[in-house]
Amino acid sequence: LYDSFSKASSGEAQFEVHKKYYKLTEHAM
């Protein structure tokens, strides 16, 4: 996730990574 976020070339692309962060953390919780 860190790698994908740092390589994202726009705010839109980083927000798509952020959606994956939601899924990852919510499932663990």
mmCIF file of all heavy atoms, coordinates in Angstrom:
data_MODEL
# 
_entry.id   MODEL 
# 
loop_
_atom_site.group_PDB 
_atom_site.id 
_atom_site.type_symbol 
_atom_site.label_atom_id 
_atom_site.label_alt_id 
_atom_site.label_comp_id 
_atom_site.label_asym_id 
_atom_site.label_entity_id 
_atom_site.label_seq_id 
_atom_site.pdbx_PDB_ins_code 
_atom_site.Cartn_x 
_atom_site.Cartn_y 
_atom_site.Cartn_z 
_atom_site.occupancy 
_atom_site.B_iso_or_equiv 
_atom_site.pdbx_formal_charge 
_atom_site.auth_seq_id 
_atom_site.auth_comp_id 
_atom_site.auth_asym_id 
_atom_site.auth_atom_id 
_atom_site.pdbx_PDB_model_num 
ATOM 1   N N   . LEU A 1 1  ? 0.839   -1.201  0.000   1.00 0.00 ? 1  LEU A N   1 
ATOM 2   C CA  . LEU A 1 1  ? 0.000   0.000   0.000   1.00 0.00 ? 1  LEU A CA  1 
ATOM 3   C C   . LEU A 1 1  ? 0.873   1.249   0.000   1.00 0.00 ? 1  LEU A C   1 
ATOM 4   O O   . LEU A 1 1  ? 0.631   2.196   -0.766  1.00 0.00 ? 1  LEU A O   1 
ATOM 5   C CB  . LEU A 1 1  ? -0.893  -0.024  1.244   1.00 0.00 ? 1  LEU A CB  1 
ATOM 6   C CG  . LEU A 1 1  ? -2.104  0.903   1.276   1.00 0.00 ? 1  LEU A CG  1 
ATOM 7   C CD1 . LEU A 1 1  ? -3.211  0.372   0.353   1.00 0.00 ? 1  LEU A CD1 1 
ATOM 8   C CD2 . LEU A 1 1  ? -2.651  1.006   2.698   1.00 0.00 ? 1  LEU A CD2 1 
ATOM 9   N N   . TYR A 1 2  ? 1.900   1.257   0.843   1.00 0.00 ? 2  TYR A N   1 
ATOM 10  C CA  . TYR A 1 2  ? 2.818   2.393   0.884   1.00 0.00 ? 2  TYR A CA  1 
ATOM 11  C C   . TYR A 1 2  ? 3.453   2.611   -0.493  1.00 0.00 ? 2  TYR A C   1 
ATOM 12  O O   . TYR A 1 2  ? 3.555   3.745   -0.976  1.00 0.00 ? 2  TYR A O   1 
ATOM 13  C CB  . TYR A 1 2  ? 3.946   2.161   1.894   1.00 0.00 ? 2  TYR A CB  1 
ATOM 14  C CG  . TYR A 1 2  ? 3.530   1.882   3.316   1.00 0.00 ? 2  TYR A CG  1 
ATOM 15  C CD1 . TYR A 1 2  ? 4.315   1.048   4.133   1.00 0.00 ? 2  TYR A CD1 1 
ATOM 16  C CD2 . TYR A 1 2  ? 2.387   2.439   3.878   1.00 0.00 ? 2  TYR A CD2 1 
ATOM 17  C CE1 . TYR A 1 2  ? 3.963   0.783   5.441   1.00 0.00 ? 2  TYR A CE1 1 
ATOM 18  C CE2 . TYR A 1 2  ? 2.024   2.168   5.195   1.00 0.00 ? 2  TYR A CE2 1 
ATOM 19  C CZ  . TYR A 1 2  ? 2.813   1.337   5.961   1.00 0.00 ? 2  TYR A CZ  1 
ATOM 20  O OH  . TYR A 1 2  ? 2.464   1.072   7.263   1.00 0.00 ? 2  TYR A OH  1 
ATOM 21  N N   . ASP A 1 3  ? 3.860   1.518   -1.108  1.00 0.00 ? 3  ASP A N   1 
ATOM 22  C CA  . ASP A 1 3  ? 4.537   1.594   -2.404  1.00 0.00 ? 3  ASP A CA  1 
ATOM 23  C C   . ASP A 1 3  ? 3.595   2.156   -3.472  1.00 0.00 ? 3  ASP A C   1 
ATOM 24  O O   . ASP A 1 3  ? 3.973   3.053   -4.242  1.00 0.00 ? 3  ASP A O   1 
ATOM 25  C CB  . ASP A 1 3  ? 5.031   0.203   -2.803  1.00 0.00 ? 3  ASP A CB  1 
ATOM 26  C CG  . ASP A 1 3  ? 5.949   0.247   -4.016  1.00 0.00 ? 3  ASP A CG  1 
ATOM 27  O OD1 . ASP A 1 3  ? 6.921   1.029   -3.995  1.00 0.00 ? 3  ASP A OD1 1 
ATOM 28  O OD2 . ASP A 1 3  ? 5.684   -0.491  -4.981  1.00 0.00 ? 3  ASP A OD2 1 
ATOM 29  N N   . SER A 1 4  ? 2.363   1.636   -3.498  1.00 0.00 ? 4  SER A N   1 
ATOM 30  C CA  . SER A 1 4  ? 1.379   2.101   -4.491  1.00 0.00 ? 4  SER A CA  1 
ATOM 31  C C   . SER A 1 4  ? 1.061   3.577   -4.292  1.00 0.00 ? 4  SER A C   1 
ATOM 32  O O   . SER A 1 4  ? 0.930   4.339   -5.256  1.00 0.00 ? 4  SER A O   1 
ATOM 33  C CB  . SER A 1 4  ? 0.091   1.276   -4.388  1.00 0.00 ? 4  SER A CB  1 
ATOM 34  O OG  . SER A 1 4  ? 0.330   -0.071  -4.689  1.00 0.00 ? 4  SER A OG  1 
ATOM 35  N N   . PHE A 1 5  ? 0.941   3.991   -3.027  1.00 0.00 ? 5  PHE A N   1 
ATOM 36  C CA  . PHE A 1 5  ? 0.593   5.379   -2.743  1.00 0.00 ? 5  PHE A CA  1 
ATOM 37  C C   . PHE A 1 5  ? 1.716   6.316   -3.196  1.00 0.00 ? 5  PHE A C   1 
ATOM 38  O O   . PHE A 1 5  ? 1.458   7.367   -3.806  1.00 0.00 ? 5  PHE A O   1 
ATOM 39  C CB  . PHE A 1 5  ? 0.327   5.559   -1.244  1.00 0.00 ? 5  PHE A CB  1 
ATOM 40  C CG  . PHE A 1 5  ? -0.286  6.880   -0.890  1.00 0.00 ? 5  PHE A CG  1 
ATOM 41  C CD1 . PHE A 1 5  ? -1.661  7.055   -0.887  1.00 0.00 ? 5  PHE A CD1 1 
ATOM 42  C CD2 . PHE A 1 5  ? 0.508   7.974   -0.550  1.00 0.00 ? 5  PHE A CD2 1 
ATOM 43  C CE1 . PHE A 1 5  ? -2.236  8.279   -0.564  1.00 0.00 ? 5  PHE A CE1 1 
ATOM 44  C CE2 . PHE A 1 5  ? -0.047  9.192   -0.226  1.00 0.00 ? 5  PHE A CE2 1 
ATOM 45  C CZ  . PHE A 1 5  ? -1.424  9.356   -0.232  1.00 0.00 ? 5  PHE A CZ  1 
ATOM 46  N N   . SER A 1 6  ? 2.961   5.935   -2.879  1.00 0.00 ? 6  SER A N   1 
ATOM 47  C CA  . SER A 1 6  ? 4.079   6.815   -3.219  1.00 0.00 ? 6  SER A CA  1 
ATOM 48  C C   . SER A 1 6  ? 4.295   6.914   -4.727  1.00 0.00 ? 6  SER A C   1 
ATOM 49  O O   . SER A 1 6  ? 4.795   7.924   -5.225  1.00 0.00 ? 6  SER A O   1 
ATOM 50  C CB  . SER A 1 6  ? 5.354   6.323   -2.540  1.00 0.00 ? 6  SER A CB  1 
ATOM 51  O OG  . SER A 1 6  ? 5.700   5.040   -3.002  1.00 0.00 ? 6  SER A OG  1 
ATOM 52  N N   . LYS A 1 7  ? 3.893   5.874   -5.466  1.00 0.00 ? 7  LYS A N   1 
ATOM 53  C CA  . LYS A 1 7  ? 4.089   5.876   -6.915  1.00 0.00 ? 7  LYS A CA  1 
ATOM 54  C C   . LYS A 1 7  ? 2.921   6.510   -7.676  1.00 0.00 ? 7  LYS A C   1 
ATOM 55  O O   . LYS A 1 7  ? 3.039   6.788   -8.879  1.00 0.00 ? 7  LYS A O   1 
ATOM 56  C CB  . LYS A 1 7  ? 4.289   4.442   -7.418  1.00 0.00 ? 7  LYS A CB  1 
ATOM 57  C CG  . LYS A 1 7  ? 5.633   3.851   -7.025  1.00 0.00 ? 7  LYS A CG  1 
ATOM 58  C CD  . LYS A 1 7  ? 5.764   2.415   -7.516  1.00 0.00 ? 7  LYS A CD  1 
ATOM 59  C CE  . LYS A 1 7  ? 7.113   1.838   -7.133  1.00 0.00 ? 7  LYS A CE  1 
ATOM 60  N NZ  . LYS A 1 7  ? 7.248   0.418   -7.535  1.00 0.00 ? 7  LYS A NZ  1 
ATOM 61  N N   . ALA A 1 8  ? 1.797   6.734   -6.986  1.00 0.00 ? 8  ALA A N   1 
ATOM 62  C CA  . ALA A 1 8  ? 0.623   7.316   -7.650  1.00 0.00 ? 8  ALA A CA  1 
ATOM 63  C C   . ALA A 1 8  ? 0.956   8.720   -8.144  1.00 0.00 ? 8  ALA A C   1 
ATOM 64  O O   . ALA A 1 8  ? 1.556   9.526   -7.423  1.00 0.00 ? 8  ALA A O   1 
ATOM 65  C CB  . ALA A 1 8  ? -0.555  7.354   -6.680  1.00 0.00 ? 8  ALA A CB  1 
ATOM 66  N N   . SER A 1 9  ? 0.541   9.008   -9.386  1.00 0.00 ? 9  SER A N   1 
ATOM 67  C CA  . SER A 1 9  ? 0.967   10.254  -10.038 1.00 0.00 ? 9  SER A CA  1 
ATOM 68  C C   . SER A 1 9  ? -0.101  11.349  -10.044 1.00 0.00 ? 9  SER A C   1 
ATOM 69  O O   . SER A 1 9  ? 0.053   12.350  -10.733 1.00 0.00 ? 9  SER A O   1 
ATOM 70  C CB  . SER A 1 9  ? 1.382   9.951   -11.487 1.00 0.00 ? 9  SER A CB  1 
ATOM 71  O OG  . SER A 1 9  ? 0.304   9.353   -12.187 1.00 0.00 ? 9  SER A OG  1 
ATOM 72  N N   . SER A 1 10 ? -1.159  11.163  -9.268  1.00 0.00 ? 10 SER A N   1 
ATOM 73  C CA  . SER A 1 10 ? -2.196  12.196  -9.194  1.00 0.00 ? 10 SER A CA  1 
ATOM 74  C C   . SER A 1 10 ? -2.990  12.002  -7.909  1.00 0.00 ? 10 SER A C   1 
ATOM 75  O O   . SER A 1 10 ? -2.934  10.935  -7.277  1.00 0.00 ? 10 SER A O   1 
ATOM 76  C CB  . SER A 1 10 ? -3.141  12.094  -10.391 1.00 0.00 ? 10 SER A CB  1 
ATOM 77  O OG  . SER A 1 10 ? -3.904  10.888  -10.327 1.00 0.00 ? 10 SER A OG  1 
ATOM 78  N N   . GLY A 1 11 ? -3.749  13.030  -7.557  1.00 0.00 ? 11 GLY A N   1 
ATOM 79  C CA  . GLY A 1 11 ? -4.613  12.925  -6.394  1.00 0.00 ? 11 GLY A CA  1 
ATOM 80  C C   . GLY A 1 11 ? -5.667  11.850  -6.576  1.00 0.00 ? 11 GLY A C   1 
ATOM 81  O O   . GLY A 1 11 ? -5.986  11.110  -5.643  1.00 0.00 ? 11 GLY A O   1 
ATOM 82  N N   . GLU A 1 12 ? -6.196  11.736  -7.829  1.00 0.00 ? 12 GLU A N   1 
ATOM 83  C CA  . GLU A 1 12 ? -7.203  10.716  -8.124  1.00 0.00 ? 12 GLU A CA  1 
ATOM 84  C C   . GLU A 1 12 ? -6.627  9.323   -7.897  1.00 0.00 ? 12 GLU A C   1 
ATOM 85  O O   . GLU A 1 12 ? -7.278  8.446   -7.309  1.00 0.00 ? 12 GLU A O   1 
ATOM 86  C CB  . GLU A 1 12 ? -7.701  10.840  -9.563  1.00 0.00 ? 12 GLU A CB  1 
ATOM 87  C CG  . GLU A 1 12 ? -8.496  12.101  -9.842  1.00 0.00 ? 12 GLU A CG  1 
ATOM 88  C CD  . GLU A 1 12 ? -7.621  13.267  -10.319 1.00 0.00 ? 12 GLU A CD  1 
ATOM 89  O OE1 . GLU A 1 12 ? -6.401  13.269  -9.994  1.00 0.00 ? 12 GLU A OE1 1 
ATOM 90  O OE2 . GLU A 1 12 ? -8.153  14.164  -10.984 1.00 0.00 ? 12 GLU A OE2 1 
ATOM 91  N N   . ALA A 1 13 ? -5.389  9.106   -8.362  1.00 0.00 ? 13 ALA A N   1 
ATOM 92  C CA  . ALA A 1 13 ? -4.760  7.797   -8.208  1.00 0.00 ? 13 ALA A CA  1 
ATOM 93  C C   . ALA A 1 13 ? -4.490  7.485   -6.737  1.00 0.00 ? 13 ALA A C   1 
ATOM 94  O O   . ALA A 1 13 ? -4.680  6.349   -6.282  1.00 0.00 ? 13 ALA A O   1 
ATOM 95  C CB  . ALA A 1 13 ? -3.455  7.757   -9.001  1.00 0.00 ? 13 ALA A CB  1 
ATOM 96  N N   . GLN A 1 14 ? -4.073  8.495   -5.969  1.00 0.00 ? 14 GLN A N   1 
ATOM 97  C CA  . GLN A 1 14 ? -3.841  8.255   -4.543  1.00 0.00 ? 14 GLN A CA  1 
ATOM 98  C C   . GLN A 1 14 ? -5.148  7.959   -3.806  1.00 0.00 ? 14 GLN A C   1 
ATOM 99  O O   . GLN A 1 14 ? -5.177  7.139   -2.886  1.00 0.00 ? 14 GLN A O   1 
ATOM 100 C CB  . GLN A 1 14 ? -3.132  9.462   -3.914  1.00 0.00 ? 14 GLN A CB  1 
ATOM 101 C CG  . GLN A 1 14 ? -1.654  9.550   -4.286  1.00 0.00 ? 14 GLN A CG  1 
ATOM 102 C CD  . GLN A 1 14 ? -0.893  10.583  -3.474  1.00 0.00 ? 14 GLN A CD  1 
ATOM 103 O OE1 . GLN A 1 14 ? -1.476  11.505  -2.904  1.00 0.00 ? 14 GLN A OE1 1 
ATOM 104 N NE2 . GLN A 1 14 ? 0.428   10.444  -3.428  1.00 0.00 ? 14 GLN A NE2 1 
ATOM 105 N N   . PHE A 1 15 ? -6.227  8.581   -4.256  1.00 0.00 ? 15 PHE A N   1 
ATOM 106 C CA  . PHE A 1 15 ? -7.512  8.307   -3.612  1.00 0.00 ? 15 PHE A CA  1 
ATOM 107 C C   . PHE A 1 15 ? -7.967  6.875   -3.883  1.00 0.00 ? 15 PHE A C   1 
ATOM 108 O O   . PHE A 1 15 ? -8.610  6.248   -3.034  1.00 0.00 ? 15 PHE A O   1 
ATOM 109 C CB  . PHE A 1 15 ? -8.573  9.311   -4.066  1.00 0.00 ? 15 PHE A CB  1 
ATOM 110 C CG  . PHE A 1 15 ? -9.860  9.208   -3.281  1.00 0.00 ? 15 PHE A CG  1 
ATOM 111 C CD1 . PHE A 1 15 ? -9.882  9.513   -1.929  1.00 0.00 ? 15 PHE A CD1 1 
ATOM 112 C CD2 . PHE A 1 15 ? -11.042 8.788   -3.878  1.00 0.00 ? 15 PHE A CD2 1 
ATOM 113 C CE1 . PHE A 1 15 ? -11.055 9.409   -1.188  1.00 0.00 ? 15 PHE A CE1 1 
ATOM 114 C CE2 . PHE A 1 15 ? -12.216 8.687   -3.155  1.00 0.00 ? 15 PHE A CE2 1 
ATOM 115 C CZ  . PHE A 1 15 ? -12.221 8.995   -1.801  1.00 0.00 ? 15 PHE A CZ  1 
ATOM 116 N N   . GLU A 1 16 ? -7.649  6.341   -5.063  1.00 0.00 ? 16 GLU A N   1 
ATOM 117 C CA  . GLU A 1 16 ? -7.967  4.939   -5.359  1.00 0.00 ? 16 GLU A CA  1 
ATOM 118 C C   . GLU A 1 16 ? -7.190  4.015   -4.422  1.00 0.00 ? 16 GLU A C   1 
ATOM 119 O O   . GLU A 1 16 ? -7.718  2.994   -3.960  1.00 0.00 ? 16 GLU A O   1 
ATOM 120 C CB  . GLU A 1 16 ? -7.658  4.620   -6.817  1.00 0.00 ? 16 GLU A CB  1 
ATOM 121 C CG  . GLU A 1 16 ? -8.615  5.255   -7.815  1.00 0.00 ? 16 GLU A CG  1 
ATOM 122 C CD  . GLU A 1 16 ? -10.079 4.911   -7.549  1.00 0.00 ? 16 GLU A CD  1 
ATOM 123 O OE1 . GLU A 1 16 ? -10.371 3.699   -7.396  1.00 0.00 ? 16 GLU A OE1 1 
ATOM 124 O OE2 . GLU A 1 16 ? -10.915 5.834   -7.480  1.00 0.00 ? 16 GLU A OE2 1 
ATOM 125 N N   . VAL A 1 17 ? -5.933  4.355   -4.140  1.00 0.00 ? 17 VAL A N   1 
ATOM 126 C CA  . VAL A 1 17 ? -5.153  3.583   -3.166  1.00 0.00 ? 17 VAL A CA  1 
ATOM 127 C C   . VAL A 1 17 ? -5.798  3.692   -1.782  1.00 0.00 ? 17 VAL A C   1 
ATOM 128 O O   . VAL A 1 17 ? -5.862  2.715   -1.028  1.00 0.00 ? 17 VAL A O   1 
ATOM 129 C CB  . VAL A 1 17 ? -3.682  4.074   -3.110  1.00 0.00 ? 17 VAL A CB  1 
ATOM 130 C CG1 . VAL A 1 17 ? -2.894  3.334   -2.026  1.00 0.00 ? 17 VAL A CG1 1 
ATOM 131 C CG2 . VAL A 1 17 ? -3.011  3.895   -4.466  1.00 0.00 ? 17 VAL A CG2 1 
ATOM 132 N N   . HIS A 1 18 ? -6.303  4.877   -1.477  1.00 0.00 ? 18 HIS A N   1 
ATOM 133 C CA  . HIS A 1 18 ? -6.944  5.110   -0.175  1.00 0.00 ? 18 HIS A CA  1 
ATOM 134 C C   . HIS A 1 18 ? -8.155  4.199   0.004   1.00 0.00 ? 18 HIS A C   1 
ATOM 135 O O   . HIS A 1 18 ? -8.422  3.726   1.118   1.00 0.00 ? 18 HIS A O   1 
ATOM 136 C CB  . HIS A 1 18 ? -7.347  6.582   -0.068  1.00 0.00 ? 18 HIS A CB  1 
ATOM 137 C CG  . HIS A 1 18 ? -7.736  7.003   1.319   1.00 0.00 ? 18 HIS A CG  1 
ATOM 138 N ND1 . HIS A 1 18 ? -6.890  6.890   2.397   1.00 0.00 ? 18 HIS A ND1 1 
ATOM 139 C CD2 . HIS A 1 18 ? -8.895  7.539   1.803   1.00 0.00 ? 18 HIS A CD2 1 
ATOM 140 C CE1 . HIS A 1 18 ? -7.501  7.332   3.487   1.00 0.00 ? 18 HIS A CE1 1 
ATOM 141 N NE2 . HIS A 1 18 ? -8.721  7.729   3.144   1.00 0.00 ? 18 HIS A NE2 1 
ATOM 142 N N   . LYS A 1 19 ? -8.864  3.925   -1.060  1.00 0.00 ? 19 LYS A N   1 
ATOM 143 C CA  . LYS A 1 19 ? -10.007 3.013   -0.974  1.00 0.00 ? 19 LYS A CA  1 
ATOM 144 C C   . LYS A 1 19 ? -9.545  1.607   -0.589  1.00 0.00 ? 19 LYS A C   1 
ATOM 145 O O   . LYS A 1 19 ? -10.230 0.894   0.152   1.00 0.00 ? 19 LYS A O   1 
ATOM 146 C CB  . LYS A 1 19 ? -10.758 2.978   -2.306  1.00 0.00 ? 19 LYS A CB  1 
ATOM 147 C CG  . LYS A 1 19 ? -11.517 4.263   -2.634  1.00 0.00 ? 19 LYS A CG  1 
ATOM 148 C CD  . LYS A 1 19 ? -12.197 4.143   -4.000  1.00 0.00 ? 19 LYS A CD  1 
ATOM 149 C CE  . LYS A 1 19 ? -12.912 5.434   -4.378  1.00 0.00 ? 19 LYS A CE  1 
ATOM 150 N NZ  . LYS A 1 19 ? -13.520 5.346   -5.728  1.00 0.00 ? 19 LYS A NZ  1 
ATOM 151 N N   . LYS A 1 20 ? -8.370  1.202   -1.086  1.00 0.00 ? 20 LYS A N   1 
ATOM 152 C CA  . LYS A 1 20 ? -7.817  -0.105  -0.718  1.00 0.00 ? 20 LYS A CA  1 
ATOM 153 C C   . LYS A 1 20 ? -7.421  -0.122  0.760   1.00 0.00 ? 20 LYS A C   1 
ATOM 154 O O   . LYS A 1 20 ? -7.543  -1.150  1.449   1.00 0.00 ? 20 LYS A O   1 
ATOM 155 C CB  . LYS A 1 20 ? -6.610  -0.430  -1.600  1.00 0.00 ? 20 LYS A CB  1 
ATOM 156 C CG  . LYS A 1 20 ? -6.972  -0.631  -3.076  1.00 0.00 ? 20 LYS A CG  1 
ATOM 157 C CD  . LYS A 1 20 ? -5.720  -0.885  -3.906  1.00 0.00 ? 20 LYS A CD  1 
ATOM 158 C CE  . LYS A 1 20 ? -6.087  -1.013  -5.395  1.00 0.00 ? 20 LYS A CE  1 
ATOM 159 N NZ  . LYS A 1 20 ? -4.883  -1.188  -6.233  1.00 0.00 ? 20 LYS A NZ  1 
ATOM 160 N N   . TYR A 1 21 ? -6.963  1.019   1.237   1.00 0.00 ? 21 TYR A N   1 
ATOM 161 C CA  . TYR A 1 21 ? -6.634  1.152   2.662   1.00 0.00 ? 21 TYR A CA  1 
ATOM 162 C C   . TYR A 1 21 ? -7.880  0.930   3.511   1.00 0.00 ? 21 TYR A C   1 
ATOM 163 O O   . TYR A 1 21 ? -7.825  0.249   4.544   1.00 0.00 ? 21 TYR A O   1 
ATOM 164 C CB  . TYR A 1 21 ? -6.044  2.538   2.916   1.00 0.00 ? 21 TYR A CB  1 
ATOM 165 C CG  . TYR A 1 21 ? -6.053  2.998   4.355   1.00 0.00 ? 21 TYR A CG  1 
ATOM 166 C CD1 . TYR A 1 21 ? -5.108  2.534   5.265   1.00 0.00 ? 21 TYR A CD1 1 
ATOM 167 C CD2 . TYR A 1 21 ? -7.018  3.902   4.810   1.00 0.00 ? 21 TYR A CD2 1 
ATOM 168 C CE1 . TYR A 1 21 ? -5.115  2.947   6.591   1.00 0.00 ? 21 TYR A CE1 1 
ATOM 169 C CE2 . TYR A 1 21 ? -7.036  4.336   6.120   1.00 0.00 ? 21 TYR A CE2 1 
ATOM 170 C CZ  . TYR A 1 21 ? -6.085  3.859   7.002   1.00 0.00 ? 21 TYR A CZ  1 
ATOM 171 O OH  . TYR A 1 21 ? -6.093  4.278   8.317   1.00 0.00 ? 21 TYR A OH  1 
ATOM 172 N N   . TYR A 1 22 ? -9.009  1.493   3.073   1.00 0.00 ? 22 TYR A N   1 
ATOM 173 C CA  . TYR A 1 22 ? -10.272 1.277   3.787   1.00 0.00 ? 22 TYR A CA  1 
ATOM 174 C C   . TYR A 1 22 ? -10.536 -0.219  3.951   1.00 0.00 ? 22 TYR A C   1 
ATOM 175 O O   . TYR A 1 22 ? -10.811 -0.713  5.046   1.00 0.00 ? 22 TYR A O   1 
ATOM 176 C CB  . TYR A 1 22 ? -11.447 1.867   3.008   1.00 0.00 ? 22 TYR A CB  1 
ATOM 177 C CG  . TYR A 1 22 ? -11.601 3.372   3.034   1.00 0.00 ? 22 TYR A CG  1 
ATOM 178 C CD1 . TYR A 1 22 ? -12.250 4.016   1.976   1.00 0.00 ? 22 TYR A CD1 1 
ATOM 179 C CD2 . TYR A 1 22 ? -11.158 4.142   4.092   1.00 0.00 ? 22 TYR A CD2 1 
ATOM 180 C CE1 . TYR A 1 22 ? -12.432 5.385   1.972   1.00 0.00 ? 22 TYR A CE1 1 
ATOM 181 C CE2 . TYR A 1 22 ? -11.341 5.521   4.099   1.00 0.00 ? 22 TYR A CE2 1 
ATOM 182 C CZ  . TYR A 1 22 ? -11.972 6.139   3.031   1.00 0.00 ? 22 TYR A CZ  1 
ATOM 183 O OH  . TYR A 1 22 ? -12.160 7.499   3.034   1.00 0.00 ? 22 TYR A OH  1 
ATOM 184 N N   . LYS A 1 23 ? -10.464 -0.959  2.827   1.00 0.00 ? 23 LYS A N   1 
ATOM 185 C CA  . LYS A 1 23 ? -10.794 -2.392  2.846   1.00 0.00 ? 23 LYS A CA  1 
ATOM 186 C C   . LYS A 1 23 ? -9.842  -3.165  3.748   1.00 0.00 ? 23 LYS A C   1 
ATOM 187 O O   . LYS A 1 23 ? -10.266 -4.040  4.525   1.00 0.00 ? 23 LYS A O   1 
ATOM 188 C CB  . LYS A 1 23 ? -10.757 -2.957  1.426   1.00 0.00 ? 23 LYS A CB  1 
ATOM 189 C CG  . LYS A 1 23 ? -11.893 -2.469  0.529   1.00 0.00 ? 23 LYS A CG  1 
ATOM 190 C CD  . LYS A 1 23 ? -11.818 -3.099  -0.851  1.00 0.00 ? 23 LYS A CD  1 
ATOM 191 C CE  . LYS A 1 23 ? -12.952 -2.589  -1.740  1.00 0.00 ? 23 LYS A CE  1 
ATOM 192 N NZ  . LYS A 1 23 ? -12.881 -3.151  -3.108  1.00 0.00 ? 23 LYS A NZ  1 
ATOM 193 N N   . LEU A 1 24 ? -8.580  -2.834  3.669   1.00 0.00 ? 24 LEU A N   1 
ATOM 194 C CA  . LEU A 1 24 ? -7.563  -3.533  4.450   1.00 0.00 ? 24 LEU A CA  1 
ATOM 195 C C   . LEU A 1 24 ? -7.783  -3.344  5.951   1.00 0.00 ? 24 LEU A C   1 
ATOM 196 O O   . LEU A 1 24 ? -7.803  -4.308  6.720   1.00 0.00 ? 24 LEU A O   1 
ATOM 197 C CB  . LEU A 1 24 ? -6.185  -3.016  4.038   1.00 0.00 ? 24 LEU A CB  1 
ATOM 198 C CG  . LEU A 1 24 ? -4.949  -3.802  4.481   1.00 0.00 ? 24 LEU A CG  1 
ATOM 199 C CD1 . LEU A 1 24 ? -4.972  -5.202  3.895   1.00 0.00 ? 24 LEU A CD1 1 
ATOM 200 C CD2 . LEU A 1 24 ? -3.684  -3.055  4.039   1.00 0.00 ? 24 LEU A CD2 1 
ATOM 201 N N   . THR A 1 25 ? -7.949  -2.115  6.360   1.00 0.00 ? 25 THR A N   1 
ATOM 202 C CA  . THR A 1 25 ? -8.093  -1.828  7.791   1.00 0.00 ? 25 THR A CA  1 
ATOM 203 C C   . THR A 1 25 ? -9.448  -2.292  8.323   1.00 0.00 ? 25 THR A C   1 
ATOM 204 O O   . THR A 1 25 ? -9.536  -2.810  9.435   1.00 0.00 ? 25 THR A O   1 
ATOM 205 C CB  . THR A 1 25 ? -7.917  -0.324  8.076   1.00 0.00 ? 25 THR A CB  1 
ATOM 206 O OG1 . THR A 1 25 ? -8.807  0.423   7.248   1.00 0.00 ? 25 THR A OG1 1 
ATOM 207 C CG2 . THR A 1 25 ? -6.488  0.111   7.806   1.00 0.00 ? 25 THR A CG2 1 
ATOM 208 N N   . GLU A 1 26 ? -10.494 -2.127  7.524   1.00 0.00 ? 26 GLU A N   1 
ATOM 209 C CA  . GLU A 1 26 ? -11.827 -2.496  8.009   1.00 0.00 ? 26 GLU A CA  1 
ATOM 210 C C   . GLU A 1 26 ? -11.953 -4.005  8.184   1.00 0.00 ? 26 GLU A C   1 
ATOM 211 O O   . GLU A 1 26 ? -12.594 -4.481  9.119   1.00 0.00 ? 26 GLU A O   1 
ATOM 212 C CB  . GLU A 1 26 ? -12.903 -1.952  7.075   1.00 0.00 ? 26 GLU A CB  1 
ATOM 213 C CG  . GLU A 1 26 ? -13.028 -0.435  7.168   1.00 0.00 ? 26 GLU A CG  1 
ATOM 214 C CD  . GLU A 1 26 ? -14.201 0.122   6.396   1.00 0.00 ? 26 GLU A CD  1 
ATOM 215 O OE1 . GLU A 1 26 ? -14.799 -0.622  5.586   1.00 0.00 ? 26 GLU A OE1 1 
ATOM 216 O OE2 . GLU A 1 26 ? -14.524 1.309   6.599   1.00 0.00 ? 26 GLU A OE2 1 
ATOM 217 N N   . HIS A 1 27 ? -11.333 -4.778  7.291   1.00 0.00 ? 27 HIS A N   1 
ATOM 218 C CA  . HIS A 1 27 ? -11.408 -6.225  7.461   1.00 0.00 ? 27 HIS A CA  1 
ATOM 219 C C   . HIS A 1 27 ? -10.641 -6.653  8.709   1.00 0.00 ? 27 HIS A C   1 
ATOM 220 O O   . HIS A 1 27 ? -11.126 -7.492  9.481   1.00 0.00 ? 27 HIS A O   1 
ATOM 221 C CB  . HIS A 1 27 ? -10.843 -6.950  6.231   1.00 0.00 ? 27 HIS A CB  1 
ATOM 222 C CG  . HIS A 1 27 ? -10.890 -8.435  6.368   1.00 0.00 ? 27 HIS A CG  1 
ATOM 223 N ND1 . HIS A 1 27 ? -12.078 -9.140  6.449   1.00 0.00 ? 27 HIS A ND1 1 
ATOM 224 C CD2 . HIS A 1 27 ? -9.892  -9.358  6.512   1.00 0.00 ? 27 HIS A CD2 1 
ATOM 225 C CE1 . HIS A 1 27 ? -11.823 -10.425 6.604   1.00 0.00 ? 27 HIS A CE1 1 
ATOM 226 N NE2 . HIS A 1 27 ? -10.503 -10.581 6.653   1.00 0.00 ? 27 HIS A NE2 1 
ATOM 227 N N   . ALA A 1 28 ? -9.459  -6.097  8.910   1.00 0.00 ? 28 ALA A N   1 
ATOM 228 C CA  . ALA A 1 28 ? -8.688  -6.439  10.109  1.00 0.00 ? 28 ALA A CA  1 
ATOM 229 C C   . ALA A 1 28 ? -9.465  -6.071  11.372  1.00 0.00 ? 28 ALA A C   1 
ATOM 230 O O   . ALA A 1 28 ? -9.538  -6.862  12.331  1.00 0.00 ? 28 ALA A O   1 
ATOM 231 C CB  . ALA A 1 28 ? -7.339  -5.723  10.092  1.00 0.00 ? 28 ALA A CB  1 
ATOM 232 N N   . MET A 1 29 ? -10.079 -4.883  11.381  1.00 0.00 ? 29 MET A N   1 
ATOM 233 C CA  . MET A 1 29 ? -10.832 -4.447  12.560  1.00 0.00 ? 29 MET A CA  1 
ATOM 234 C C   . MET A 1 29 ? -12.051 -5.333  12.799  1.00 0.00 ? 29 MET A C   1 
ATOM 235 O O   . MET A 1 29 ? -12.442 -5.562  13.954  1.00 0.00 ? 29 MET A O   1 
ATOM 236 C CB  . MET A 1 29 ? -11.263 -2.988  12.419  1.00 0.00 ? 29 MET A CB  1 
ATOM 237 C CG  . MET A 1 29 ? -10.177 -1.983  12.741  1.00 0.00 ? 29 MET A CG  1 
ATOM 238 S SD  . MET A 1 29 ? -9.362  -2.270  14.345  1.00 0.00 ? 29 MET A SD  1 
ATOM 239 C CE  . MET A 1 29 ? -10.745 -2.267  15.484  1.00 0.00 ? 29 MET A CE  1 
# 
